[in-house]
Structures are given as C-alpha cells and as structure tokens.
C-alpha cells in the first residue's frame, strides 16, 4: 500500500526557514533602529566599537542560522528516512495482506471442492444403501416364496412317501404270500439263454434281463433323442422270450467325443407260468459287441397278459 506524502514533512521542511528569516529580519531591524538611535546620541568613536559588536552579533546570528539550517537538514533527512522505512513497511503489510487473501481464496476453493467430494461420496453411499435395501427386500420376498415352495414340496414328498409306503406294503404282503423254495440256474450257449427253474409251488413269473456292455458302445450322436432314435432303429441287442421284446436304454454322456454312449440295455419279459417242480425256459438273443448278462426274477402283481 502506497501512502500519500506527509504534509507535516513539508511544513517541517519549509517552516524552519520562514521562521529563521523572520527572526533574522527582526534582529536586523532592531539593530538598525538601535544604531540610528546610538548614532544620534553617541560620538563616532563609539560607532566602531558598536559596529564591531554588531558584526560579532551578525556572525553569531549567521552561525546560528547555519547551525539551524544544518539541524533542519538533519531533521528533514530523518523524516525522509522515516517516510521510506514507513512506506516499505506499508508495502510489506500490503503484500502480506494480498498473500493472506490469496491463501484464504485458495482455502475457500479447496474447502468447496472437499465439501463437493464428500457430498458426492455421501450421495454414492446413499444410492448403494438404497440399492442394498431394494435387494434385501427382494431377497426377503424370494425367501418367503422359497419357503412356500419348500413347504409345498415337503407336503408333496410326504404324500408321495405315504403312497409309496402303501404300495410297498401291498407288494410286501403279496411277496410274503408267495411260496418259497424257488431256484434259478441260467446258462448261455451261443445265442440262447436257458433258465433251469426248480419251484416248490406253481406260480407266475416275469424276468428282467439286463445286457451290460463290457466294451464301449458309442452312438456318435450329440443329442439324446437322436441317440435313442438311432438305437431303436438299429438295436445292438435283440431279445425274444416267446415274442420279441423292446429293450430300454440307459445312456451316458462322454466328454472325450462329445456324444452319448450305451450304459445298459434292459428287457422286461412277459409273464410265464412256472409249475411246481422242474421247469425250463429259453430265450434267444442277437447282439453286436460284448456284454455281461444279468437275469432277475420278477413277481408280477395284478393281471397281465401273454405267456411263453
């Protein structure tokens, strides 16, 4: 900040000279008046002494004026130095104020940016919280729905379990009512299966004949429907027990060639009558590949048709 010129400085600078001039003029006027009076009253021999005194006085006055001027110059120098120092201090203060204002402006800018950043974060957290609340509500609804479905499924399973138990109880009762003492000895010769059956009582039986491959039987087809259609069109195994019987296939998927392969081929024969004592039943089959043959007697319930 630049300060205006100090009026007191101007007054101090020129005021001393004016007063000094006035004092000198008064002294001179007084001396002239005194000399005039003295000349009128005193002899000329006294004039020289008076003039000497006046010269001495004038010399003293001149010396005093010089001293006063020197003092005035010294004071003016001090005032000028004080002005320069004061102006420098004012400049430093103005610079400090400017720096402080700049720092405050920067602090305000940083504070505004920080507040904006915090507000953005708060808004983001609120959005996430709202989304989490929505997801929580959705999960709650799904959990309630799942609970309802699970309850319904448990009820259904329980009902099926009761029905299955009833069927098993019925089958157990029928099996327990059958006479024991039946023995079956199967033999395979060429393409003929012979069952040598010894039974203590006359009864009706059916047989489950399962061909389990001992070497891989690929279908080279990538869909189950296509694989089954191919197998039924060209069966790898056929079985005749009184009449031709359709085989049912169990397939498995192979990742090595991305196609289906035959797991087992199962045939269910029609009912056949077994007399008390020794019985012989024969079945014929044809096949490609190699298989292990498993035969299981089945005790039919209800009324079935067919015999062999």
C-alpha atoms as a PDB file:
ATOM      1  CA  UNK A   1       0.000   0.000   0.000  1.00  0.00           C
ATOM      2  CA  UNK A   2       1.465   3.395  -1.058  1.00  0.00           C
ATOM      3  CA  UNK A   3       0.952   6.221   1.481  1.00  0.00           C
ATOM      4  CA  UNK A   4       0.408   9.852   0.429  1.00  0.00           C
ATOM      5  CA  UNK A   5       3.105  12.467   1.034  1.00  0.00           C
ATOM      6  CA  UNK A   6       3.184  13.685   4.649  1.00  0.00           C
ATOM      7  CA  UNK A   7       2.057  17.293   4.873  1.00  0.00           C
ATOM      8  CA  UNK A   8       3.839  17.674   8.202  1.00  0.00           C
ATOM      9  CA  UNK A   9       7.042  16.843   6.373  1.00  0.00           C
ATOM     10  CA  UNK A  10       6.522  19.832   4.013  1.00  0.00           C
ATOM     11  CA  UNK A  11       5.660  22.062   6.922  1.00  0.00           C
ATOM     12  CA  UNK A  12       8.761  20.955   8.811  1.00  0.00           C
ATOM     13  CA  UNK A  13      10.893  21.370   5.739  1.00  0.00           C
ATOM     14  CA  UNK A  14       9.894  24.977   4.937  1.00  0.00           C
ATOM     15  CA  UNK A  15       8.580  26.186   8.278  1.00  0.00           C
ATOM     16  CA  UNK A  16      12.016  26.405   9.909  1.00  0.00           C
ATOM     17  CA  UNK A  17      13.408  28.573   7.060  1.00  0.00           C
ATOM     18  CA  UNK A  18      10.476  31.029   7.270  1.00  0.00           C
ATOM     19  CA  UNK A  19      10.776  31.451  10.982  1.00  0.00           C
ATOM     20  CA  UNK A  20      14.544  31.788  10.738  1.00  0.00           C
ATOM     21  CA  UNK A  21      14.202  34.510   8.097  1.00  0.00           C
ATOM     22  CA  UNK A  22      11.625  36.319  10.226  1.00  0.00           C
ATOM     23  CA  UNK A  23      13.868  36.192  13.311  1.00  0.00           C
ATOM     24  CA  UNK A  24      16.851  37.443  11.369  1.00  0.00           C
ATOM     25  CA  UNK A  25      14.760  40.273   9.886  1.00  0.00           C
ATOM     26  CA  UNK A  26      13.521  41.304  13.329  1.00  0.00           C
ATOM     27  CA  UNK A  27      17.052  41.259  14.722  1.00  0.00           C
ATOM     28  CA  UNK A  28      18.377  43.326  11.829  1.00  0.00           C
ATOM     29  CA  UNK A  29      15.540  45.831  12.139  1.00  0.00           C
ATOM     30  CA  UNK A  30      16.149  46.134  15.850  1.00  0.00           C
ATOM     31  CA  UNK A  31      19.873  46.651  15.296  1.00  0.00           C
ATOM     32  CA  UNK A  32      19.290  49.279  12.639  1.00  0.00           C
ATOM     33  CA  UNK A  33      16.928  51.120  14.942  1.00  0.00           C
ATOM     34  CA  UNK A  34      19.371  50.865  17.760  1.00  0.00           C
ATOM     35  CA  UNK A  35      22.237  52.116  15.575  1.00  0.00           C
ATOM     36  CA  UNK A  36      20.236  55.071  14.419  1.00  0.00           C
ATOM     37  CA  UNK A  37      19.488  55.992  17.964  1.00  0.00           C
ATOM     38  CA  UNK A  38      23.079  55.401  19.009  1.00  0.00           C
ATOM     39  CA  UNK A  39      24.403  57.499  16.139  1.00  0.00           C
ATOM     40  CA  UNK A  40      22.272  60.331  17.170  1.00  0.00           C
ATOM     41  CA  UNK A  41      23.359  60.084  20.753  1.00  0.00           C
ATOM     42  CA  UNK A  42      26.914  58.754  20.708  1.00  0.00           C
ATOM     43  CA  UNK A  43      30.189  60.024  19.246  1.00  0.00           C
ATOM     44  CA  UNK A  44      31.768  58.454  16.175  1.00  0.00           C
ATOM     45  CA  UNK A  45      34.480  56.868  18.303  1.00  0.00           C
ATOM     46  CA  UNK A  46      31.836  54.671  19.815  1.00  0.00           C
ATOM     47  CA  UNK A  47      30.499  53.687  16.373  1.00  0.00           C
ATOM     48  CA  UNK A  48      33.434  51.464  15.616  1.00  0.00           C
ATOM     49  CA  UNK A  49      33.032  49.540  18.823  1.00  0.00           C
ATOM     50  CA  UNK A  50      29.312  49.206  18.208  1.00  0.00           C
ATOM     51  CA  UNK A  51      29.870  48.191  14.647  1.00  0.00           C
ATOM     52  CA  UNK A  52      32.302  45.547  15.847  1.00  0.00           C
ATOM     53  CA  UNK A  53      29.766  44.308  18.282  1.00  0.00           C
ATOM     54  CA  UNK A  54      27.133  44.309  15.581  1.00  0.00           C
ATOM     55  CA  UNK A  55      29.457  42.381  13.264  1.00  0.00           C
ATOM     56  CA  UNK A  56      30.111  39.917  16.005  1.00  0.00           C
ATOM     57  CA  UNK A  57      26.384  39.613  16.650  1.00  0.00           C
ATOM     58  CA  UNK A  58      25.745  39.184  12.936  1.00  0.00           C
ATOM     59  CA  UNK A  59      28.458  36.498  12.797  1.00  0.00           C
ATOM     60  CA  UNK A  60      26.819  34.745  15.745  1.00  0.00           C
ATOM     61  CA  UNK A  61      23.451  35.074  14.079  1.00  0.00           C
ATOM     62  CA  UNK A  62      24.919  33.726  10.822  1.00  0.00           C
ATOM     63  CA  UNK A  63      26.495  30.817  12.699  1.00  0.00           C
ATOM     64  CA  UNK A  64      23.228  30.201  14.470  1.00  0.00           C
ATOM     65  CA  UNK A  65      21.370  30.288  11.162  1.00  0.00           C
ATOM     66  CA  UNK A  66      23.865  27.836   9.669  1.00  0.00           C
ATOM     67  CA  UNK A  67      23.527  25.577  12.683  1.00  0.00           C
ATOM     68  CA  UNK A  68      19.768  25.881  12.475  1.00  0.00           C
ATOM     69  CA  UNK A  69      19.843  25.054   8.743  1.00  0.00           C
ATOM     70  CA  UNK A  70      22.080  22.063   9.434  1.00  0.00           C
ATOM     71  CA  UNK A  71      19.720  20.889  12.145  1.00  0.00           C
ATOM     72  CA  UNK A  72      16.790  21.420   9.779  1.00  0.00           C
ATOM     73  CA  UNK A  73      18.529  19.412   7.059  1.00  0.00           C
ATOM     74  CA  UNK A  74      19.263  16.655   9.567  1.00  0.00           C
ATOM     75  CA  UNK A  75      15.630  16.593  10.677  1.00  0.00           C
ATOM     76  CA  UNK A  76      14.459  16.554   7.071  1.00  0.00           C
ATOM     77  CA  UNK A  77      16.825  13.624   6.400  1.00  0.00           C
ATOM     78  CA  UNK A  78      15.404  11.741   9.399  1.00  0.00           C
ATOM     79  CA  UNK A  79      11.861  12.485   8.265  1.00  0.00           C
ATOM     80  CA  UNK A  80      12.675  11.297   4.708  1.00  0.00           C
ATOM     81  CA  UNK A  81      14.282   8.106   6.051  1.00  0.00           C
ATOM     82  CA  UNK A  82      11.294   7.543   8.325  1.00  0.00           C
ATOM     83  CA  UNK A  83       8.990   8.014   5.327  1.00  0.00           C
ATOM     84  CA  UNK A  84      10.932   5.492   3.239  1.00  0.00           C
ATOM     85  CA  UNK A  85      11.007   2.962   6.095  1.00  0.00           C
ATOM     86  CA  UNK A  86       7.314   3.506   6.798  1.00  0.00           C
ATOM     87  CA  UNK A  87       6.454   3.140   3.100  1.00  0.00           C
ATOM     88  CA  UNK A  88       8.490  -0.104   2.944  1.00  0.00           C
ATOM     89  CA  UNK A  89       6.666  -1.449   5.986  1.00  0.00           C
ATOM     90  CA  UNK A  90       3.341  -0.460   4.455  1.00  0.00           C
ATOM     91  CA  UNK A  91       4.339  -2.258   1.245  1.00  0.00           C
ATOM     92  CA  UNK A  92       5.295  -5.367   3.221  1.00  0.00           C
ATOM     93  CA  UNK A  93       2.000  -5.214   5.092  1.00  0.00           C
ATOM     94  CA  UNK A  94       0.082  -4.820   1.801  1.00  0.00           C
ATOM     95  CA  UNK A  95       1.958  -7.794   0.319  1.00  0.00           C
ATOM     96  CA  UNK A  96       1.188  -9.855   3.416  1.00  0.00           C
ATOM     97  CA  UNK A  97      -2.490  -8.893   3.181  1.00  0.00           C
ATOM     98  CA  UNK A  98      -2.519  -9.844  -0.514  1.00  0.00           C
ATOM     99  CA  UNK A  99      -0.839 -13.200   0.238  1.00  0.00           C
ATOM    100  CA  UNK A 100      -3.300 -13.806   3.072  1.00  0.00           C
ATOM    101  CA  UNK A 101      -6.265 -13.026   0.812  1.00  0.00           C
ATOM    102  CA  UNK A 102      -4.900 -15.368  -1.860  1.00  0.00           C
ATOM    103  CA  UNK A 103      -4.401 -18.091   0.740  1.00  0.00           C
ATOM    104  CA  UNK A 104      -7.956 -17.567   2.017  1.00  0.00           C
ATOM    105  CA  UNK A 105      -9.323 -17.741  -1.543  1.00  0.00           C
ATOM    106  CA  UNK A 106      -7.383 -20.960  -2.181  1.00  0.00           C
ATOM    107  CA  UNK A 107      -8.557 -22.382   1.145  1.00  0.00           C
ATOM    108  CA  UNK A 108     -12.141 -21.492   0.226  1.00  0.00           C
ATOM    109  CA  UNK A 109     -11.722 -23.184  -3.168  1.00  0.00           C
ATOM    110  CA  UNK A 110     -10.184 -26.299  -1.589  1.00  0.00           C
ATOM    111  CA  UNK A 111     -12.902 -26.379   1.068  1.00  0.00           C
ATOM    112  CA  UNK A 112     -15.632 -26.084  -1.558  1.00  0.00           C
ATOM    113  CA  UNK A 113     -14.046 -28.893  -3.600  1.00  0.00           C
ATOM    114  CA  UNK A 114     -13.676 -31.072  -0.478  1.00  0.00           C
ATOM    115  CA  UNK A 115     -17.286 -30.475   0.501  1.00  0.00           C
ATOM    116  CA  UNK A 116     -18.390 -31.340  -3.044  1.00  0.00           C
ATOM    117  CA  UNK A 117     -16.295 -34.516  -2.983  1.00  0.00           C
ATOM    118  CA  UNK A 118     -17.692 -35.548   0.395  1.00  0.00           C
ATOM    119  CA  UNK A 119     -21.228 -34.800  -0.820  1.00  0.00           C
ATOM    120  CA  UNK A 120     -20.639 -36.958  -3.897  1.00  0.00           C
ATOM    121  CA  UNK A 121     -19.389 -39.790  -1.700  1.00  0.00           C
ATOM    122  CA  UNK A 122     -22.393 -39.402   0.607  1.00  0.00           C
ATOM    123  CA  UNK A 123     -24.734 -39.455  -2.396  1.00  0.00           C
ATOM    124  CA  UNK A 124     -22.959 -42.560  -3.724  1.00  0.00           C
ATOM    125  CA  UNK A 125     -23.250 -44.313  -0.355  1.00  0.00           C
ATOM    126  CA  UNK A 126     -26.926 -43.376  -0.170  1.00  0.00           C
ATOM    127  CA  UNK A 127     -27.509 -44.802  -3.644  1.00  0.00           C
ATOM    128  CA  UNK A 128     -25.716 -48.024  -2.654  1.00  0.00           C
ATOM    129  CA  UNK A 129     -27.707 -48.183   0.583  1.00  0.00           C
ATOM    130  CA  UNK A 130     -30.972 -47.743  -1.329  1.00  0.00           C
ATOM    131  CA  UNK A 131     -29.937 -50.455  -3.795  1.00  0.00           C
ATOM    132  CA  UNK A 132     -28.955 -52.743  -0.910  1.00  0.00           C
ATOM    133  CA  UNK A 133     -32.312 -52.093   0.723  1.00  0.00           C
ATOM    134  CA  UNK A 134     -34.084 -52.989  -2.511  1.00  0.00           C
ATOM    135  CA  UNK A 135     -32.019 -56.170  -2.848  1.00  0.00           C
ATOM    136  CA  UNK A 136     -32.760 -57.039   0.789  1.00  0.00           C
ATOM    137  CA  UNK A 137     -36.477 -56.636   0.168  1.00  0.00           C
ATOM    138  CA  UNK A 138     -36.221 -58.756  -2.968  1.00  0.00           C
ATOM    139  CA  UNK A 139     -34.275 -61.437  -1.092  1.00  0.00           C
ATOM    140  CA  UNK A 140     -36.890 -61.361   1.653  1.00  0.00           C
ATOM    141  CA  UNK A 141     -39.667 -61.857  -0.898  1.00  0.00           C
ATOM    142  CA  UNK A 142     -37.694 -64.646  -2.589  1.00  0.00           C
ATOM    143  CA  UNK A 143     -37.037 -66.281   0.766  1.00  0.00           C
ATOM    144  CA  UNK A 144     -40.738 -66.159   1.587  1.00  0.00           C
ATOM    145  CA  UNK A 145     -41.586 -67.596  -1.838  1.00  0.00           C
ATOM    146  CA  UNK A 146     -38.911 -70.277  -1.427  1.00  0.00           C
ATOM    147  CA  UNK A 147     -40.285 -71.127   1.984  1.00  0.00           C
ATOM    148  CA  UNK A 148     -43.755 -71.530   0.490  1.00  0.00           C
ATOM    149  CA  UNK A 149     -42.428 -73.679  -2.364  1.00  0.00           C
ATOM    150  CA  UNK A 150     -40.345 -75.747   0.030  1.00  0.00           C
ATOM    151  CA  UNK A 151     -43.381 -76.292   2.251  1.00  0.00           C
ATOM    152  CA  UNK A 152     -45.425 -77.369  -0.753  1.00  0.00           C
ATOM    153  CA  UNK A 153     -42.644 -79.688  -1.905  1.00  0.00           C
ATOM    154  CA  UNK A 154     -42.330 -81.197   1.561  1.00  0.00           C
ATOM    155  CA  UNK A 155     -46.076 -81.785   1.589  1.00  0.00           C
ATOM    156  CA  UNK A 156     -45.913 -83.384  -1.872  1.00  0.00           C
ATOM    157  CA  UNK A 157     -42.944 -85.545  -0.895  1.00  0.00           C
ATOM    158  CA  UNK A 158     -44.714 -86.595   2.260  1.00  0.00           C
ATOM    159  CA  UNK A 159     -47.803 -87.540   0.272  1.00  0.00           C
ATOM    160  CA  UNK A 160     -45.697 -89.483  -2.240  1.00  0.00           C
ATOM    161  CA  UNK A 161     -43.845 -91.170   0.593  1.00  0.00           C
ATOM    162  CA  UNK A 162     -47.171 -92.254   2.080  1.00  0.00           C
ATOM    163  CA  UNK A 163     -48.318 -93.539  -1.311  1.00  0.00           C
ATOM    164  CA  UNK A 164     -45.009 -95.352  -1.872  1.00  0.00           C
ATOM    165  CA  UNK A 165     -45.187 -96.893   1.558  1.00  0.00           C
ATOM    166  CA  UNK A 166     -48.692 -98.130   0.830  1.00  0.00           C
ATOM    167  CA  UNK A 167     -47.525 -99.702  -2.448  1.00  0.00           C
ATOM    168  CA  UNK A 168     -44.526-101.283  -0.768  1.00  0.00           C
ATOM    169  CA  UNK A 169     -46.696-102.660   1.992  1.00  0.00           C
ATOM    170  CA  UNK A 170     -49.018-104.163  -0.623  1.00  0.00           C
ATOM    171  CA  UNK A 171     -46.096-105.643  -2.573  1.00  0.00           C
ATOM    172  CA  UNK A 172     -44.518-106.994   0.606  1.00  0.00           C
ATOM    173  CA  UNK A 173     -47.746-108.674   1.538  1.00  0.00           C
ATOM    174  CA  UNK A 174     -48.017-110.287  -1.890  1.00  0.00           C
ATOM    175  CA  UNK A 175     -44.369-111.422  -1.846  1.00  0.00           C
ATOM    176  CA  UNK A 176     -44.758-112.780   1.638  1.00  0.00           C
ATOM    177  CA  UNK A 177     -47.770-114.734   0.384  1.00  0.00           C
ATOM    178  CA  UNK A 178     -45.721-116.476  -2.297  1.00  0.00           C
ATOM    179  CA  UNK A 179     -44.329-119.877  -1.619  1.00  0.00           C
ATOM    180  CA  UNK A 180     -40.595-120.081  -1.157  1.00  0.00           C
ATOM    181  CA  UNK A 181     -38.136-122.615  -2.359  1.00  0.00           C
ATOM    182  CA  UNK A 182     -37.522-121.457  -5.973  1.00  0.00           C
ATOM    183  CA  UNK A 183     -34.061-121.804  -7.561  1.00  0.00           C
ATOM    184  CA  UNK A 184     -32.942-120.493 -10.996  1.00  0.00           C
ATOM    185  CA  UNK A 185     -29.795-121.542 -12.832  1.00  0.00           C
ATOM    186  CA  UNK A 186     -29.166-119.556 -16.050  1.00  0.00           C
ATOM    187  CA  UNK A 187     -26.810-120.731 -18.808  1.00  0.00           C
ATOM    188  CA  UNK A 188     -25.833-119.108 -22.105  1.00  0.00           C
ATOM    189  CA  UNK A 189     -24.947-121.121 -25.185  1.00  0.00           C
ATOM    190  CA  UNK A 190     -24.409-119.300 -28.467  1.00  0.00           C
ATOM    191  CA  UNK A 191     -27.434-117.020 -28.799  1.00  0.00           C
ATOM    192  CA  UNK A 192     -29.671-118.946 -26.390  1.00  0.00           C
ATOM    193  CA  UNK A 193     -30.303-118.280 -22.687  1.00  0.00           C
ATOM    194  CA  UNK A 194     -31.596-121.296 -20.785  1.00  0.00           C
ATOM    195  CA  UNK A 195     -33.235-120.924 -17.360  1.00  0.00           C
ATOM    196  CA  UNK A 196     -33.368-124.100 -15.262  1.00  0.00           C
ATOM    197  CA  UNK A 197     -36.024-123.363 -12.617  1.00  0.00           C
ATOM    198  CA  UNK A 198     -36.939-125.505  -9.623  1.00  0.00           C
ATOM    199  CA  UNK A 199     -40.018-124.323  -7.719  1.00  0.00           C
ATOM    200  CA  UNK A 200     -41.851-125.853  -4.789  1.00  0.00           C
ATOM    201  CA  UNK A 201     -45.179-124.360  -5.942  1.00  0.00           C
ATOM    202  CA  UNK A 202     -46.817-123.344  -9.177  1.00  0.00           C
ATOM    203  CA  UNK A 203     -46.655-119.592  -9.791  1.00  0.00           C
ATOM    204  CA  UNK A 204     -46.262-116.910 -12.473  1.00  0.00           C
ATOM    205  CA  UNK A 205     -43.001-115.091 -13.061  1.00  0.00           C
ATOM    206  CA  UNK A 206     -41.520-112.472 -15.383  1.00  0.00           C
ATOM    207  CA  UNK A 207     -37.834-111.813 -15.830  1.00  0.00           C
ATOM    208  CA  UNK A 208     -35.693-108.694 -16.061  1.00  0.00           C
ATOM    209  CA  UNK A 209     -32.802-109.365 -18.478  1.00  0.00           C
ATOM    210  CA  UNK A 210     -30.041-106.724 -18.462  1.00  0.00           C
ATOM    211  CA  UNK A 211     -27.217-106.575 -21.009  1.00  0.00           C
ATOM    212  CA  UNK A 212     -24.315-104.617 -19.585  1.00  0.00           C
ATOM    213  CA  UNK A 213     -21.591-103.733 -22.195  1.00  0.00           C
ATOM    214  CA  UNK A 214     -18.100-104.954 -21.365  1.00  0.00           C
ATOM    215  CA  UNK A 215     -16.707-102.754 -24.177  1.00  0.00           C
ATOM    216  CA  UNK A 216     -17.711 -99.251 -25.221  1.00  0.00           C
ATOM    217  CA  UNK A 217     -20.871 -98.901 -27.350  1.00  0.00           C
ATOM    218  CA  UNK A 218     -20.831 -95.319 -28.769  1.00  0.00           C
ATOM    219  CA  UNK A 219     -23.750 -93.727 -30.585  1.00  0.00           C
ATOM    220  CA  UNK A 220     -21.596 -90.903 -32.115  1.00  0.00           C
ATOM    221  CA  UNK A 221     -24.612 -88.605 -31.634  1.00  0.00           C
ATOM    222  CA  UNK A 222     -24.637 -85.435 -29.523  1.00  0.00           C
ATOM    223  CA  UNK A 223     -28.329 -85.363 -28.556  1.00  0.00           C
ATOM    224  CA  UNK A 224     -30.164 -87.956 -26.507  1.00  0.00           C
ATOM    225  CA  UNK A 225     -33.244 -88.019 -28.745  1.00  0.00           C
ATOM    226  CA  UNK A 226     -31.117 -88.676 -31.816  1.00  0.00           C
ATOM    227  CA  UNK A 227     -29.099 -91.345 -29.984  1.00  0.00           C
ATOM    228  CA  UNK A 228     -32.247 -93.172 -28.793  1.00  0.00           C
ATOM    229  CA  UNK A 229     -33.844 -92.956 -32.243  1.00  0.00           C
ATOM    230  CA  UNK A 230     -30.731 -94.498 -33.755  1.00  0.00           C
ATOM    231  CA  UNK A 231     -30.608 -97.298 -31.153  1.00  0.00           C
ATOM    232  CA  UNK A 232     -34.285 -98.200 -31.566  1.00  0.00           C
ATOM    233  CA  UNK A 233     -33.912 -98.185 -35.355  1.00  0.00           C
ATOM    234  CA  UNK A 234     -30.854-100.451 -35.246  1.00  0.00           C
ATOM    235  CA  UNK A 235     -30.738-102.227 -31.850  1.00  0.00           C
ATOM    236  CA  UNK A 236     -27.297-103.523 -30.825  1.00  0.00           C
ATOM    237  CA  UNK A 237     -29.119-106.315 -28.883  1.00  0.00           C
ATOM    238  CA  UNK A 238     -32.461-108.033 -29.601  1.00  0.00           C
ATOM    239  CA  UNK A 239     -34.258-110.486 -27.280  1.00  0.00           C
ATOM    240  CA  UNK A 240     -37.070-112.966 -27.907  1.00  0.00           C
ATOM    241  CA  UNK A 241     -38.882-114.548 -24.936  1.00  0.00           C
ATOM    242  CA  UNK A 242     -41.967-116.090 -26.518  1.00  0.00           C
ATOM    243  CA  UNK A 243     -42.095-112.938 -28.659  1.00  0.00           C
ATOM    244  CA  UNK A 244     -39.735-110.057 -29.472  1.00  0.00           C
ATOM    245  CA  UNK A 245     -39.220-107.645 -26.584  1.00  0.00           C
ATOM    246  CA  UNK A 246     -38.228-103.994 -26.906  1.00  0.00           C
ATOM    247  CA  UNK A 247     -35.127-103.043 -24.987  1.00  0.00           C
ATOM    248  CA  UNK A 248     -34.811 -99.823 -22.969  1.00  0.00           C
ATOM    249  CA  UNK A 249     -31.523 -97.938 -22.999  1.00  0.00           C
ATOM    250  CA  UNK A 250     -29.570 -96.125 -20.309  1.00  0.00           C
ATOM    251  CA  UNK A 251     -27.156 -93.622 -21.914  1.00  0.00           C
ATOM    252  CA  UNK A 252     -24.277 -91.589 -20.561  1.00  0.00           C
ATOM    253  CA  UNK A 253     -22.500 -88.541 -21.973  1.00  0.00           C
ATOM    254  CA  UNK A 254     -18.818 -88.715 -22.840  1.00  0.00           C
ATOM    255  CA  UNK A 255     -16.742 -85.534 -22.910  1.00  0.00           C
ATOM    256  CA  UNK A 256     -13.986 -87.246 -24.892  1.00  0.00           C
ATOM    257  CA  UNK A 257     -16.045 -87.324 -28.119  1.00  0.00           C
ATOM    258  CA  UNK A 258     -18.999 -85.132 -27.004  1.00  0.00           C
ATOM    259  CA  UNK A 259     -21.556 -87.824 -27.770  1.00  0.00           C
ATOM    260  CA  UNK A 260     -23.745 -90.380 -25.983  1.00  0.00           C
ATOM    261  CA  UNK A 261     -22.720 -93.979 -25.191  1.00  0.00           C
ATOM    262  CA  UNK A 262     -24.757 -97.024 -24.137  1.00  0.00           C
ATOM    263  CA  UNK A 263     -24.734 -97.764 -20.424  1.00  0.00           C
ATOM    264  CA  UNK A 264     -27.146-100.723 -20.178  1.00  0.00           C
ATOM    265  CA  UNK A 265     -29.880-102.375 -22.275  1.00  0.00           C
ATOM    266  CA  UNK A 266     -32.792-103.734 -20.227  1.00  0.00           C
ATOM    267  CA  UNK A 267     -35.555-106.125 -21.341  1.00  0.00           C
ATOM    268  CA  UNK A 268     -38.684-106.954 -19.346  1.00  0.00           C
ATOM    269  CA  UNK A 269     -40.300-110.285 -20.361  1.00  0.00           C
ATOM    270  CA  UNK A 270     -43.972-111.110 -20.267  1.00  0.00           C
ATOM    271  CA  UNK A 271     -45.454-113.311 -17.547  1.00  0.00           C
ATOM    272  CA  UNK A 272     -44.735-117.041 -17.762  1.00  0.00           C
ATOM    273  CA  UNK A 273     -46.196-119.965 -15.801  1.00  0.00           C
ATOM    274  CA  UNK A 274     -43.915-121.983 -13.540  1.00  0.00           C
ATOM    275  CA  UNK A 275     -45.130-125.393 -12.456  1.00  0.00           C
ATOM    276  CA  UNK A 276     -44.202-126.994  -9.197  1.00  0.00           C
ATOM    277  CA  UNK A 277     -41.007-128.953  -9.640  1.00  0.00           C
ATOM    278  CA  UNK A 278     -38.511-128.559 -12.516  1.00  0.00           C
ATOM    279  CA  UNK A 279     -39.066-126.071 -15.348  1.00  0.00           C
ATOM    280  CA  UNK A 280     -37.023-124.966 -18.339  1.00  0.00           C
ATOM    281  CA  UNK A 281     -37.471-121.611 -20.030  1.00  0.00           C
ATOM    282  CA  UNK A 282     -35.420-120.451 -23.014  1.00  0.00           C
ATOM    283  CA  UNK A 283     -34.811-117.004 -24.583  1.00  0.00           C
ATOM    284  CA  UNK A 284     -32.926-116.209 -27.764  1.00  0.00           C
ATOM    285  CA  UNK A 285     -30.940-113.048 -28.484  1.00  0.00           C
ATOM    286  CA  UNK A 286     -28.657-111.497 -31.064  1.00  0.00           C
ATOM    287  CA  UNK A 287     -26.095-108.820 -30.425  1.00  0.00           C
ATOM    288  CA  UNK A 288     -23.092-106.831 -31.647  1.00  0.00           C
ATOM    289  CA  UNK A 289     -20.326-106.166 -29.163  1.00  0.00           C
ATOM    290  CA  UNK A 290     -19.669-107.945 -25.885  1.00  0.00           C
ATOM    291  CA  UNK A 291     -21.974-107.937 -22.839  1.00  0.00           C
ATOM    292  CA  UNK A 292     -22.456-109.267 -19.353  1.00  0.00           C
ATOM    293  CA  UNK A 293     -25.977-110.673 -18.926  1.00  0.00           C
ATOM    294  CA  UNK A 294     -27.851-110.238 -15.612  1.00  0.00           C
ATOM    295  CA  UNK A 295     -31.185-112.027 -15.012  1.00  0.00           C
ATOM    296  CA  UNK A 296     -33.578-111.210 -12.173  1.00  0.00           C
ATOM    297  CA  UNK A 297     -36.959-112.887 -11.465  1.00  0.00           C
ATOM    298  CA  UNK A 298     -39.894-110.522 -11.069  1.00  0.00           C
ATOM    299  CA  UNK A 299     -43.131-111.345  -9.269  1.00  0.00           C
ATOM    300  CA  UNK A 300     -45.964-109.654 -11.178  1.00  0.00           C
ATOM    301  CA  UNK A 301     -48.937-108.170  -9.344  1.00  0.00           C
ATOM    302  CA  UNK A 302     -52.374-107.771 -10.843  1.00  0.00           C
ATOM    303  CA  UNK A 303     -53.401-109.349 -14.135  1.00  0.00           C
ATOM    304  CA  UNK A 304     -51.024-109.418 -17.098  1.00  0.00           C
ATOM    305  CA  UNK A 305     -51.299-110.987 -20.494  1.00  0.00           C
ATOM    306  CA  UNK A 306     -49.010-113.175 -22.528  1.00  0.00           C
ATOM    307  CA  UNK A 307     -47.060-116.312 -21.709  1.00  0.00           C
ATOM    308  CA  UNK A 308     -44.111-118.237 -23.037  1.00  0.00           C
END
